[in-house]
């Protein structure tokens, strides 16, 4: 961080020469009572564009791949055991 920023933060915020305070303006404005674009934007959050459907479509095939991978790990653990486990790896091994 620059030393000038540290000094400026120590002395407080720089005064606004216009006198306009965006925080006071936003607080006094509050929430709008009527949004003219509400009906036009409603389709973005319903039906196939809902949050759940967008998340579900982000990873196609993830569920099937997870099940297939788990099945392979089970098969490998049960049927593909290494017969040479625990033996030394010397010249006679090959």
N, C-alpha and C. Protein backbone atom coordinates (compact mmCIF):
# COMPACT_ATOMS: atom_id res chain seq x y z
N UNK A 1 0.84 -1.17 0.00
CA UNK A 1 0.00 0.00 0.00
C UNK A 1 0.89 1.24 0.00
N UNK A 2 0.45 2.24 -0.69
CA UNK A 2 1.22 3.46 -0.79
C UNK A 2 1.14 4.25 0.51
N UNK A 3 2.23 4.93 0.88
CA UNK A 3 2.21 5.73 2.12
C UNK A 3 1.16 6.83 2.10
N UNK A 4 0.88 7.39 0.94
CA UNK A 4 -0.12 8.46 0.87
C UNK A 4 -1.50 7.94 1.22
N UNK A 5 -1.80 6.70 0.84
CA UNK A 5 -3.11 6.12 1.18
C UNK A 5 -3.22 5.89 2.68
N UNK A 6 -2.14 5.48 3.29
CA UNK A 6 -2.16 5.26 4.74
C UNK A 6 -2.40 6.59 5.45
N UNK A 7 -1.70 7.63 5.02
CA UNK A 7 -1.87 8.94 5.65
C UNK A 7 -3.28 9.47 5.42
N UNK A 8 -3.82 9.27 4.23
CA UNK A 8 -5.17 9.75 3.93
C UNK A 8 -6.20 9.00 4.77
N UNK A 9 -6.00 7.70 4.96
CA UNK A 9 -6.92 6.91 5.77
C UNK A 9 -6.85 7.35 7.24
N UNK A 10 -5.68 7.76 7.67
CA UNK A 10 -5.51 8.20 9.05
C UNK A 10 -6.29 9.50 9.31
N UNK A 11 -6.34 10.38 8.33
CA UNK A 11 -7.00 11.67 8.50
C UNK A 11 -8.48 11.61 8.15
N UNK A 12 -8.98 10.49 7.75
CA UNK A 12 -10.39 10.39 7.40
C UNK A 12 -10.58 10.56 5.90
N UNK A 13 -11.83 10.47 5.50
CA UNK A 13 -12.14 10.56 4.08
C UNK A 13 -11.99 11.99 3.59
N UNK A 14 -11.60 12.14 2.35
CA UNK A 14 -11.44 13.45 1.74
C UNK A 14 -12.82 14.09 1.56
N UNK A 15 -12.99 15.35 1.92
CA UNK A 15 -14.31 15.97 1.79
C UNK A 15 -14.70 16.14 0.32
N UNK A 16 -15.97 15.96 0.05
CA UNK A 16 -16.49 16.09 -1.31
C UNK A 16 -16.78 17.57 -1.58
N UNK A 17 -16.16 18.12 -2.61
CA UNK A 17 -16.33 19.56 -2.87
C UNK A 17 -17.70 19.89 -3.43
N UNK A 18 -18.41 18.93 -3.97
CA UNK A 18 -19.74 19.20 -4.53
C UNK A 18 -20.82 19.17 -3.46
N UNK A 19 -20.54 18.49 -2.33
CA UNK A 19 -21.55 18.38 -1.30
C UNK A 19 -22.51 17.23 -1.53
N UNK A 20 -22.34 16.48 -2.60
CA UNK A 20 -23.22 15.36 -2.90
C UNK A 20 -22.72 14.11 -2.19
N UNK A 21 -23.60 13.47 -1.43
CA UNK A 21 -23.24 12.26 -0.71
C UNK A 21 -24.06 11.10 -1.28
N UNK A 22 -23.39 10.18 -1.97
CA UNK A 22 -24.09 9.08 -2.62
C UNK A 22 -24.74 8.16 -1.60
N UNK A 23 -24.17 8.02 -0.41
CA UNK A 23 -24.76 7.14 0.61
C UNK A 23 -26.10 7.69 1.10
N UNK A 24 -26.15 9.00 1.33
CA UNK A 24 -27.40 9.62 1.75
C UNK A 24 -28.45 9.51 0.65
N UNK A 25 -28.03 9.69 -0.59
CA UNK A 25 -28.95 9.60 -1.71
C UNK A 25 -29.53 8.20 -1.84
N UNK A 26 -28.68 7.18 -1.74
CA UNK A 26 -29.15 5.79 -1.85
C UNK A 26 -30.08 5.45 -0.69
N UNK A 27 -29.77 5.93 0.49
CA UNK A 27 -30.61 5.65 1.66
C UNK A 27 -31.98 6.31 1.51
N UNK A 28 -32.01 7.53 1.02
CA UNK A 28 -33.30 8.22 0.89
C UNK A 28 -34.12 7.66 -0.27
N UNK A 29 -33.45 7.14 -1.30
CA UNK A 29 -34.17 6.59 -2.43
C UNK A 29 -34.84 5.27 -2.07
N UNK A 30 -34.16 4.43 -1.28
CA UNK A 30 -34.74 3.16 -0.87
C UNK A 30 -34.97 2.24 -2.06
N UNK A 31 -35.87 1.29 -1.87
CA UNK A 31 -36.22 0.37 -2.94
C UNK A 31 -37.25 1.04 -3.86
N UNK A 32 -37.14 0.86 -5.15
CA UNK A 32 -38.15 1.43 -6.04
C UNK A 32 -39.49 0.73 -5.84
N UNK A 33 -40.57 1.50 -5.91
CA UNK A 33 -41.89 0.92 -5.70
C UNK A 33 -42.35 0.14 -6.92
N UNK A 34 -41.89 0.54 -8.08
CA UNK A 34 -42.33 -0.11 -9.31
C UNK A 34 -41.14 -0.24 -10.24
N UNK A 35 -40.92 -1.43 -10.72
CA UNK A 35 -39.85 -1.67 -11.68
C UNK A 35 -40.48 -1.92 -13.04
N UNK A 36 -40.32 -1.02 -13.99
CA UNK A 36 -40.96 -1.21 -15.29
C UNK A 36 -40.42 -2.40 -16.06
N UNK A 37 -39.22 -2.88 -15.72
CA UNK A 37 -38.64 -4.01 -16.44
C UNK A 37 -38.89 -5.34 -15.73
N UNK A 38 -39.63 -5.34 -14.63
CA UNK A 38 -39.83 -6.56 -13.85
C UNK A 38 -40.46 -7.67 -14.68
N UNK A 39 -41.49 -7.35 -15.44
CA UNK A 39 -42.17 -8.38 -16.24
C UNK A 39 -41.27 -8.87 -17.37
N UNK A 40 -40.50 -7.98 -17.96
CA UNK A 40 -39.63 -8.37 -19.07
C UNK A 40 -38.45 -9.22 -18.60
N UNK A 41 -38.03 -9.06 -17.35
CA UNK A 41 -36.89 -9.80 -16.83
C UNK A 41 -37.29 -11.07 -16.08
N UNK A 42 -38.57 -11.32 -15.86
CA UNK A 42 -39.02 -12.44 -15.04
C UNK A 42 -38.63 -13.79 -15.65
N UNK A 43 -38.58 -13.89 -16.96
CA UNK A 43 -38.26 -15.17 -17.60
C UNK A 43 -36.87 -15.66 -17.24
N UNK A 44 -35.97 -14.77 -16.85
CA UNK A 44 -34.60 -15.18 -16.55
C UNK A 44 -34.49 -16.04 -15.29
N UNK A 45 -35.49 -16.01 -14.45
CA UNK A 45 -35.40 -16.69 -13.16
C UNK A 45 -36.46 -17.77 -12.98
N UNK A 46 -37.15 -18.15 -14.03
CA UNK A 46 -38.20 -19.16 -13.93
C UNK A 46 -37.96 -20.24 -14.96
N UNK A 47 -38.61 -21.39 -14.76
CA UNK A 47 -38.56 -22.47 -15.73
C UNK A 47 -37.17 -23.04 -15.92
N UNK A 48 -36.78 -23.18 -17.16
CA UNK A 48 -35.48 -23.79 -17.44
C UNK A 48 -34.32 -22.88 -17.07
N UNK A 49 -34.57 -21.64 -16.77
CA UNK A 49 -33.51 -20.71 -16.39
C UNK A 49 -33.45 -20.48 -14.89
N UNK A 50 -34.14 -21.29 -14.10
CA UNK A 50 -34.08 -21.13 -12.65
C UNK A 50 -32.66 -21.46 -12.17
N UNK A 51 -32.36 -21.07 -10.96
CA UNK A 51 -31.02 -21.27 -10.42
C UNK A 51 -30.66 -22.75 -10.37
N UNK A 52 -31.60 -23.59 -9.94
CA UNK A 52 -31.32 -25.03 -9.84
C UNK A 52 -31.07 -25.62 -11.22
N UNK A 53 -31.87 -25.26 -12.20
CA UNK A 53 -31.69 -25.82 -13.54
C UNK A 53 -30.40 -25.34 -14.19
N UNK A 54 -30.00 -24.11 -13.91
CA UNK A 54 -28.72 -23.64 -14.44
C UNK A 54 -27.56 -24.38 -13.79
N UNK A 55 -27.63 -24.66 -12.49
CA UNK A 55 -26.58 -25.40 -11.80
C UNK A 55 -26.53 -26.84 -12.29
N UNK A 56 -27.70 -27.43 -12.48
CA UNK A 56 -27.78 -28.81 -12.92
C UNK A 56 -27.18 -28.97 -14.32
N UNK A 57 -27.39 -28.01 -15.17
CA UNK A 57 -26.86 -28.07 -16.52
C UNK A 57 -25.40 -27.70 -16.64
N UNK A 58 -24.81 -27.19 -15.56
CA UNK A 58 -23.41 -26.76 -15.62
C UNK A 58 -22.46 -27.94 -15.69
N UNK A 59 -22.84 -29.09 -15.12
CA UNK A 59 -21.98 -30.27 -15.09
C UNK A 59 -22.71 -31.47 -15.67
N UNK A 60 -22.93 -31.51 -16.96
CA UNK A 60 -23.66 -32.65 -17.53
C UNK A 60 -22.84 -33.93 -17.41
N UNK A 61 -23.48 -35.00 -16.99
CA UNK A 61 -22.81 -36.29 -16.88
C UNK A 61 -22.03 -36.49 -15.62
N UNK A 62 -22.02 -35.52 -14.72
CA UNK A 62 -21.23 -35.66 -13.49
C UNK A 62 -21.78 -36.77 -12.62
N UNK A 63 -23.08 -36.91 -12.52
CA UNK A 63 -23.68 -37.95 -11.69
C UNK A 63 -23.36 -39.34 -12.21
N UNK A 64 -23.50 -39.55 -13.52
CA UNK A 64 -23.21 -40.85 -14.13
C UNK A 64 -21.73 -41.17 -13.99
N UNK A 65 -20.88 -40.19 -14.19
CA UNK A 65 -19.44 -40.41 -14.09
C UNK A 65 -19.04 -40.76 -12.65
N UNK A 66 -19.66 -40.13 -11.68
CA UNK A 66 -19.34 -40.42 -10.28
C UNK A 66 -19.73 -41.85 -9.92
N UNK A 67 -20.89 -42.29 -10.36
CA UNK A 67 -21.33 -43.66 -10.08
C UNK A 67 -20.43 -44.66 -10.79
N UNK A 68 -20.08 -44.40 -12.04
CA UNK A 68 -19.21 -45.31 -12.77
C UNK A 68 -17.83 -45.39 -12.13
N UNK A 69 -17.29 -44.28 -11.67
CA UNK A 69 -15.99 -44.28 -11.03
C UNK A 69 -16.03 -45.05 -9.71
N UNK A 70 -17.09 -44.87 -8.93
CA UNK A 70 -17.24 -45.59 -7.67
C UNK A 70 -17.35 -47.10 -7.93
N UNK A 71 -18.08 -47.48 -8.98
CA UNK A 71 -18.20 -48.90 -9.31
C UNK A 71 -16.85 -49.47 -9.72
N UNK A 72 -16.07 -48.74 -10.48
CA UNK A 72 -14.75 -49.21 -10.88
C UNK A 72 -13.84 -49.37 -9.66
N UNK A 73 -13.89 -48.40 -8.74
CA UNK A 73 -13.06 -48.51 -7.54
C UNK A 73 -13.44 -49.74 -6.72
N UNK A 74 -14.73 -50.03 -6.63
CA UNK A 74 -15.16 -51.23 -5.92
C UNK A 74 -14.69 -52.50 -6.61
N UNK A 75 -14.80 -52.53 -7.93
CA UNK A 75 -14.34 -53.68 -8.71
C UNK A 75 -12.84 -53.89 -8.53
N UNK A 76 -12.09 -52.81 -8.60
CA UNK A 76 -10.64 -52.89 -8.45
C UNK A 76 -10.25 -53.38 -7.06
N UNK A 77 -10.94 -52.91 -6.04
CA UNK A 77 -10.64 -53.31 -4.68
C UNK A 77 -10.95 -54.78 -4.45
N UNK A 78 -12.03 -55.28 -5.03
CA UNK A 78 -12.46 -56.66 -4.79
C UNK A 78 -11.75 -57.69 -5.68
N UNK A 79 -11.58 -57.38 -6.97
CA UNK A 79 -11.14 -58.40 -7.91
C UNK A 79 -9.73 -58.23 -8.45
N UNK A 80 -9.17 -57.06 -8.41
CA UNK A 80 -7.85 -56.84 -9.00
C UNK A 80 -6.80 -56.64 -7.92
N UNK A 81 -6.65 -57.61 -7.07
CA UNK A 81 -5.67 -57.51 -5.98
C UNK A 81 -4.28 -57.82 -6.51
N UNK A 82 -3.30 -57.09 -6.01
CA UNK A 82 -1.91 -57.31 -6.41
C UNK A 82 -1.36 -58.48 -5.61
N UNK A 83 -0.92 -59.52 -6.32
CA UNK A 83 -0.43 -60.74 -5.66
C UNK A 83 0.96 -60.55 -5.08
N UNK A 84 1.70 -59.57 -5.51
CA UNK A 84 3.08 -59.38 -5.09
C UNK A 84 3.21 -58.31 -4.02
N UNK A 85 2.16 -57.95 -3.40
CA UNK A 85 2.20 -56.88 -2.41
C UNK A 85 2.98 -57.33 -1.17
N UNK A 86 3.95 -56.54 -0.77
CA UNK A 86 4.73 -56.85 0.43
C UNK A 86 6.03 -57.54 0.14
N UNK A 87 6.26 -58.01 -1.07
CA UNK A 87 7.52 -58.66 -1.39
C UNK A 87 8.57 -57.63 -1.72
N UNK A 88 9.82 -58.02 -1.62
CA UNK A 88 10.93 -57.13 -1.97
C UNK A 88 10.98 -56.92 -3.48
N UNK A 89 11.58 -55.84 -3.87
CA UNK A 89 11.70 -55.54 -5.30
C UNK A 89 13.14 -55.71 -5.75
N UNK A 90 13.63 -56.92 -5.67
CA UNK A 90 15.00 -57.21 -6.06
C UNK A 90 15.06 -57.73 -7.49
N UNK A 91 16.20 -58.28 -7.87
CA UNK A 91 16.41 -58.82 -9.21
C UNK A 91 15.54 -60.05 -9.46
N UNK A 92 15.29 -60.85 -8.44
CA UNK A 92 14.54 -62.09 -8.61
C UNK A 92 13.05 -61.84 -8.83
N UNK A 93 12.62 -60.63 -8.64
CA UNK A 93 11.20 -60.30 -8.78
C UNK A 93 10.76 -60.38 -10.23
N UNK A 94 11.63 -60.06 -11.14
CA UNK A 94 11.26 -59.99 -12.55
C UNK A 94 11.42 -61.32 -13.12
